[in-house]
Amino acid sequence: MPKEDLKKAIQDFLDKRKILVLCTCSDNIPRATPMDFYIDKKSNNFNIYVGPAPGRKVKNIEENPNISIGIYTPMDTGKIQGMQITASGKDKLIFLRDGDEEFDKVQKIVRGKRKLLLKIIPEKIELLDYDFAKDGYSRLQTLDL
């Protein structure tokens, strides 16, 4: 699939969803946490923002800055679609707190007042969509960023 078409498909997919599953790991113990997510619709990047409550997922990211995100379309829609996002490193997983340069801007994107925000800068986005085959493309498309 042409890169610009894939970017549009990814943006359309993200625009229509509100929940992700954030997967973290520490000491070989994985944790999967469903969370609301937000994107900056005025931007042309795929950065994702979440407002994590302090807890295990935050500690896991601080100890092991390698995450995976899953977002899917429920099967009862009749579609087989899912997205896998990978990000690793403290330069891709940025905690924002009041007083940080981007905090106020991101606070306006997310719903509700948050004390802590997490900016996720994807390295790789994999989009599975069985409808891609109708146009002659592989069902799984990958965008490396």
C-alpha atoms as a PDB file:
ATOM      1  CA  MET A   1       0.000   0.000   0.000  1.00  0.00           C
ATOM      2  CA  PRO A   2       1.391   3.452  -0.784  1.00  0.00           C
ATOM      3  CA  LYS A   3       2.751   5.188   2.312  1.00  0.00           C
ATOM      4  CA  GLU A   4       0.368   8.160   2.111  1.00  0.00           C
ATOM      5  CA  ASP A   5      -2.644   5.823   1.799  1.00  0.00           C
ATOM      6  CA  LEU A   6      -1.427   3.859   4.816  1.00  0.00           C
ATOM      7  CA  LYS A   7      -0.999   7.054   6.848  1.00  0.00           C
ATOM      8  CA  LYS A   8      -4.563   8.064   5.991  1.00  0.00           C
ATOM      9  CA  ALA A   9      -5.874   4.602   6.962  1.00  0.00           C
ATOM     10  CA  ILE A  10      -4.009   4.802  10.281  1.00  0.00           C
ATOM     11  CA  GLN A  11      -5.363   8.287  10.991  1.00  0.00           C
ATOM     12  CA  ASP A  12      -8.924   7.213  10.144  1.00  0.00           C
ATOM     13  CA  PHE A  13      -8.584   4.172  12.413  1.00  0.00           C
ATOM     14  CA  LEU A  14      -7.297   6.255  15.344  1.00  0.00           C
ATOM     15  CA  ASP A  15      -9.912   8.979  14.835  1.00  0.00           C
ATOM     16  CA  LYS A  16     -12.723   6.440  15.321  1.00  0.00           C
ATOM     17  CA  ARG A  17     -11.451   4.847  18.510  1.00  0.00           C
ATOM     18  CA  LYS A  18     -11.089   5.987  22.112  1.00  0.00           C
ATOM     19  CA  ILE A  19      -9.737   2.985  24.046  1.00  0.00           C
ATOM     20  CA  LEU A  20      -6.345   1.305  23.857  1.00  0.00           C
ATOM     21  CA  VAL A  21      -4.641  -1.427  25.828  1.00  0.00           C
ATOM     22  CA  LEU A  22      -1.264  -0.265  27.110  1.00  0.00           C
ATOM     23  CA  CYS A  23       1.137  -3.155  27.652  1.00  0.00           C
ATOM     24  CA  THR A  24       4.114  -2.679  29.955  1.00  0.00           C
ATOM     25  CA  CYS A  25       6.521  -5.080  31.617  1.00  0.00           C
ATOM     26  CA  SER A  26       8.821  -5.120  34.616  1.00  0.00           C
ATOM     27  CA  ASP A  27      10.863  -8.024  35.977  1.00  0.00           C
ATOM     28  CA  ASN A  28       9.349 -10.233  33.237  1.00  0.00           C
ATOM     29  CA  ILE A  29       5.852  -9.601  34.590  1.00  0.00           C
ATOM     30  CA  PRO A  30       3.606  -8.125  31.886  1.00  0.00           C
ATOM     31  CA  ARG A  31       0.723  -5.762  32.569  1.00  0.00           C
ATOM     32  CA  ALA A  32      -2.054  -4.806  30.129  1.00  0.00           C
ATOM     33  CA  THR A  33      -4.106  -1.738  31.034  1.00  0.00           C
ATOM     34  CA  PRO A  34      -7.152  -0.476  29.088  1.00  0.00           C
ATOM     35  CA  MET A  35      -7.105   3.320  28.901  1.00  0.00           C
ATOM     36  CA  ASP A  36      -8.748   6.241  27.129  1.00  0.00           C
ATOM     37  CA  PHE A  37      -6.412   7.821  24.606  1.00  0.00           C
ATOM     38  CA  TYR A  38      -6.226  11.095  22.745  1.00  0.00           C
ATOM     39  CA  ILE A  39      -4.521  12.366  19.620  1.00  0.00           C
ATOM     40  CA  ASP A  40      -3.861  15.917  18.505  1.00  0.00           C
ATOM     41  CA  LYS A  41      -6.165  16.205  15.505  1.00  0.00           C
ATOM     42  CA  LYS A  42      -4.422  19.433  14.475  1.00  0.00           C
ATOM     43  CA  SER A  43      -1.131  17.582  14.065  1.00  0.00           C
ATOM     44  CA  ASN A  44      -0.015  15.290  11.264  1.00  0.00           C
ATOM     45  CA  ASN A  45       1.900  12.923  13.532  1.00  0.00           C
ATOM     46  CA  PHE A  46       0.629   9.834  15.326  1.00  0.00           C
ATOM     47  CA  ASN A  47       1.538  10.809  18.887  1.00  0.00           C
ATOM     48  CA  ILE A  48      -0.808   9.359  21.471  1.00  0.00           C
ATOM     49  CA  TYR A  49      -1.607  10.894  24.845  1.00  0.00           C
ATOM     50  CA  VAL A  50      -2.926   9.132  27.934  1.00  0.00           C
ATOM     51  CA  GLY A  51      -3.525  10.327  31.482  1.00  0.00           C
ATOM     52  CA  PRO A  52      -2.191   7.482  33.608  1.00  0.00           C
ATOM     53  CA  ALA A  53      -3.096   7.329  37.270  1.00  0.00           C
ATOM     54  CA  PRO A  54      -0.018   6.644  39.384  1.00  0.00           C
ATOM     55  CA  GLY A  55       0.429   2.921  39.749  1.00  0.00           C
ATOM     56  CA  ARG A  56       2.128  -0.158  38.372  1.00  0.00           C
ATOM     57  CA  LYS A  57       2.020   0.883  34.693  1.00  0.00           C
ATOM     58  CA  VAL A  58       3.847   4.150  35.461  1.00  0.00           C
ATOM     59  CA  LYS A  59       6.476   2.324  37.540  1.00  0.00           C
ATOM     60  CA  ASN A  60       6.856  -0.275  34.788  1.00  0.00           C
ATOM     61  CA  ILE A  61       7.509   2.412  32.149  1.00  0.00           C
ATOM     62  CA  GLU A  62      10.006   4.163  34.419  1.00  0.00           C
ATOM     63  CA  GLU A  63      11.844   0.855  34.957  1.00  0.00           C
ATOM     64  CA  ASN A  64      11.429  -0.509  31.423  1.00  0.00           C
ATOM     65  CA  PRO A  65      10.604   2.089  28.742  1.00  0.00           C
ATOM     66  CA  ASN A  66       9.395  -0.450  26.168  1.00  0.00           C
ATOM     67  CA  ILE A  67       5.676  -0.572  25.522  1.00  0.00           C
ATOM     68  CA  SER A  68       3.193  -2.012  23.130  1.00  0.00           C
ATOM     69  CA  ILE A  69      -0.298  -0.745  22.462  1.00  0.00           C
ATOM     70  CA  GLY A  70      -3.234  -2.698  21.094  1.00  0.00           C
ATOM     71  CA  ILE A  71      -6.337  -1.082  19.597  1.00  0.00           C
ATOM     72  CA  TYR A  72      -9.029  -3.099  17.879  1.00  0.00           C
ATOM     73  CA  THR A  73     -12.424  -3.045  16.287  1.00  0.00           C
ATOM     74  CA  PRO A  74     -14.938  -5.207  18.208  1.00  0.00           C
ATOM     75  CA  MET A  75     -15.790  -8.402  16.316  1.00  0.00           C
ATOM     76  CA  ASP A  76     -19.521  -7.696  16.467  1.00  0.00           C
ATOM     77  CA  THR A  77     -19.013  -4.965  13.838  1.00  0.00           C
ATOM     78  CA  GLY A  78     -18.302  -7.632  11.227  1.00  0.00           C
ATOM     79  CA  LYS A  79     -14.829  -6.200  10.572  1.00  0.00           C
ATOM     80  CA  ILE A  80     -11.481  -7.720  11.382  1.00  0.00           C
ATOM     81  CA  GLN A  81      -9.242  -4.784  12.240  1.00  0.00           C
ATOM     82  CA  GLY A  82      -6.555  -4.172  14.791  1.00  0.00           C
ATOM     83  CA  MET A  83      -3.579  -1.957  15.423  1.00  0.00           C
ATOM     84  CA  GLN A  84      -0.310  -2.650  17.188  1.00  0.00           C
ATOM     85  CA  ILE A  85       1.896   0.293  18.162  1.00  0.00           C
ATOM     86  CA  THR A  86       5.430  -0.058  19.464  1.00  0.00           C
ATOM     87  CA  ALA A  87       7.502   2.576  21.265  1.00  0.00           C
ATOM     88  CA  SER A  88      10.654   2.249  23.301  1.00  0.00           C
ATOM     89  CA  GLY A  89      13.021   4.536  25.113  1.00  0.00           C
ATOM     90  CA  LYS A  90      12.560   7.539  27.333  1.00  0.00           C
ATOM     91  CA  ASP A  91      12.697   9.802  24.272  1.00  0.00           C
ATOM     92  CA  LYS A  92       9.541   8.062  22.928  1.00  0.00           C
ATOM     93  CA  LEU A  93       7.676   7.740  26.261  1.00  0.00           C
ATOM     94  CA  ILE A  94       7.589  11.178  27.836  1.00  0.00           C
ATOM     95  CA  PHE A  95       5.891  11.891  31.154  1.00  0.00           C
ATOM     96  CA  LEU A  96       4.517  15.420  31.340  1.00  0.00           C
ATOM     97  CA  ARG A  97       3.773  17.203  34.603  1.00  0.00           C
ATOM     98  CA  ASP A  98       2.442  20.648  35.434  1.00  0.00           C
ATOM     99  CA  GLY A  99       5.175  23.136  34.593  1.00  0.00           C
ATOM    100  CA  ASP A 100       6.615  21.089  31.729  1.00  0.00           C
ATOM    101  CA  GLU A 101       6.702  22.845  28.369  1.00  0.00           C
ATOM    102  CA  GLU A 102       4.037  20.715  26.643  1.00  0.00           C
ATOM    103  CA  PHE A 103       1.816  20.017  29.643  1.00  0.00           C
ATOM    104  CA  ASP A 104      -0.726  22.813  29.151  1.00  0.00           C
ATOM    105  CA  LYS A 105      -1.059  22.106  25.416  1.00  0.00           C
ATOM    106  CA  VAL A 106      -1.671  18.390  26.022  1.00  0.00           C
ATOM    107  CA  GLN A 107      -3.991  19.086  28.965  1.00  0.00           C
ATOM    108  CA  LYS A 108      -6.304  20.801  26.452  1.00  0.00           C
ATOM    109  CA  ILE A 109      -6.361  17.667  24.269  1.00  0.00           C
ATOM    110  CA  VAL A 110      -7.228  15.144  26.989  1.00  0.00           C
ATOM    111  CA  ARG A 111     -10.528  15.015  28.853  1.00  0.00           C
ATOM    112  CA  GLY A 112     -10.466  16.014  32.525  1.00  0.00           C
ATOM    113  CA  LYS A 113      -7.794  17.663  34.634  1.00  0.00           C
ATOM    114  CA  ARG A 114      -4.740  15.426  34.969  1.00  0.00           C
ATOM    115  CA  LYS A 115      -1.689  15.645  37.172  1.00  0.00           C
ATOM    116  CA  LEU A 116       0.333  13.328  34.942  1.00  0.00           C
ATOM    117  CA  LEU A 117       0.222  12.857  31.185  1.00  0.00           C
ATOM    118  CA  LEU A 118       2.116  10.423  28.996  1.00  0.00           C
ATOM    119  CA  LYS A 119       3.127  11.324  25.463  1.00  0.00           C
ATOM    120  CA  ILE A 120       3.775   8.242  23.349  1.00  0.00           C
ATOM    121  CA  ILE A 121       5.740   8.744  20.129  1.00  0.00           C
ATOM    122  CA  PRO A 122       5.263   5.592  18.030  1.00  0.00           C
ATOM    123  CA  GLU A 123       8.232   3.930  16.334  1.00  0.00           C
ATOM    124  CA  LYS A 124       6.190   1.370  14.466  1.00  0.00           C
ATOM    125  CA  ILE A 125       2.488   1.072  13.662  1.00  0.00           C
ATOM    126  CA  GLU A 126       1.039  -2.160  12.295  1.00  0.00           C
ATOM    127  CA  LEU A 127      -2.499  -2.015  10.967  1.00  0.00           C
ATOM    128  CA  LEU A 128      -4.373  -5.219  10.217  1.00  0.00           C
ATOM    129  CA  ASP A 129      -7.479  -4.786   8.095  1.00  0.00           C
ATOM    130  CA  TYR A 130      -8.966  -7.641   6.101  1.00  0.00           C
ATOM    131  CA  ASP A 131     -10.590  -5.071   3.794  1.00  0.00           C
ATOM    132  CA  PHE A 132      -7.134  -4.125   2.442  1.00  0.00           C
ATOM    133  CA  ALA A 133      -7.179  -7.393   0.483  1.00  0.00           C
ATOM    134  CA  LYS A 134     -10.160  -6.122  -1.541  1.00  0.00           C
ATOM    135  CA  ASP A 135      -7.804  -3.524  -3.017  1.00  0.00           C
ATOM    136  CA  GLY A 136      -5.045  -6.060  -3.650  1.00  0.00           C
ATOM    137  CA  TYR A 137      -2.925  -5.193  -0.611  1.00  0.00           C
ATOM    138  CA  SER A 138      -1.677  -7.352   2.210  1.00  0.00           C
ATOM    139  CA  ARG A 139      -4.031  -7.442   5.192  1.00  0.00           C
ATOM    140  CA  LEU A 140      -1.167  -6.348   7.437  1.00  0.00           C
ATOM    141  CA  GLN A 141       0.469  -3.015   6.706  1.00  0.00           C
ATOM    142  CA  THR A 142       3.438  -1.614   8.644  1.00  0.00           C
ATOM    143  CA  LEU A 143       4.561   1.985   9.039  1.00  0.00           C
ATOM    144  CA  ASP A 144       8.029   2.521  10.510  1.00  0.00           C
ATOM    145  CA  LEU A 145       8.434   6.023  11.907  1.00  0.00           C
END
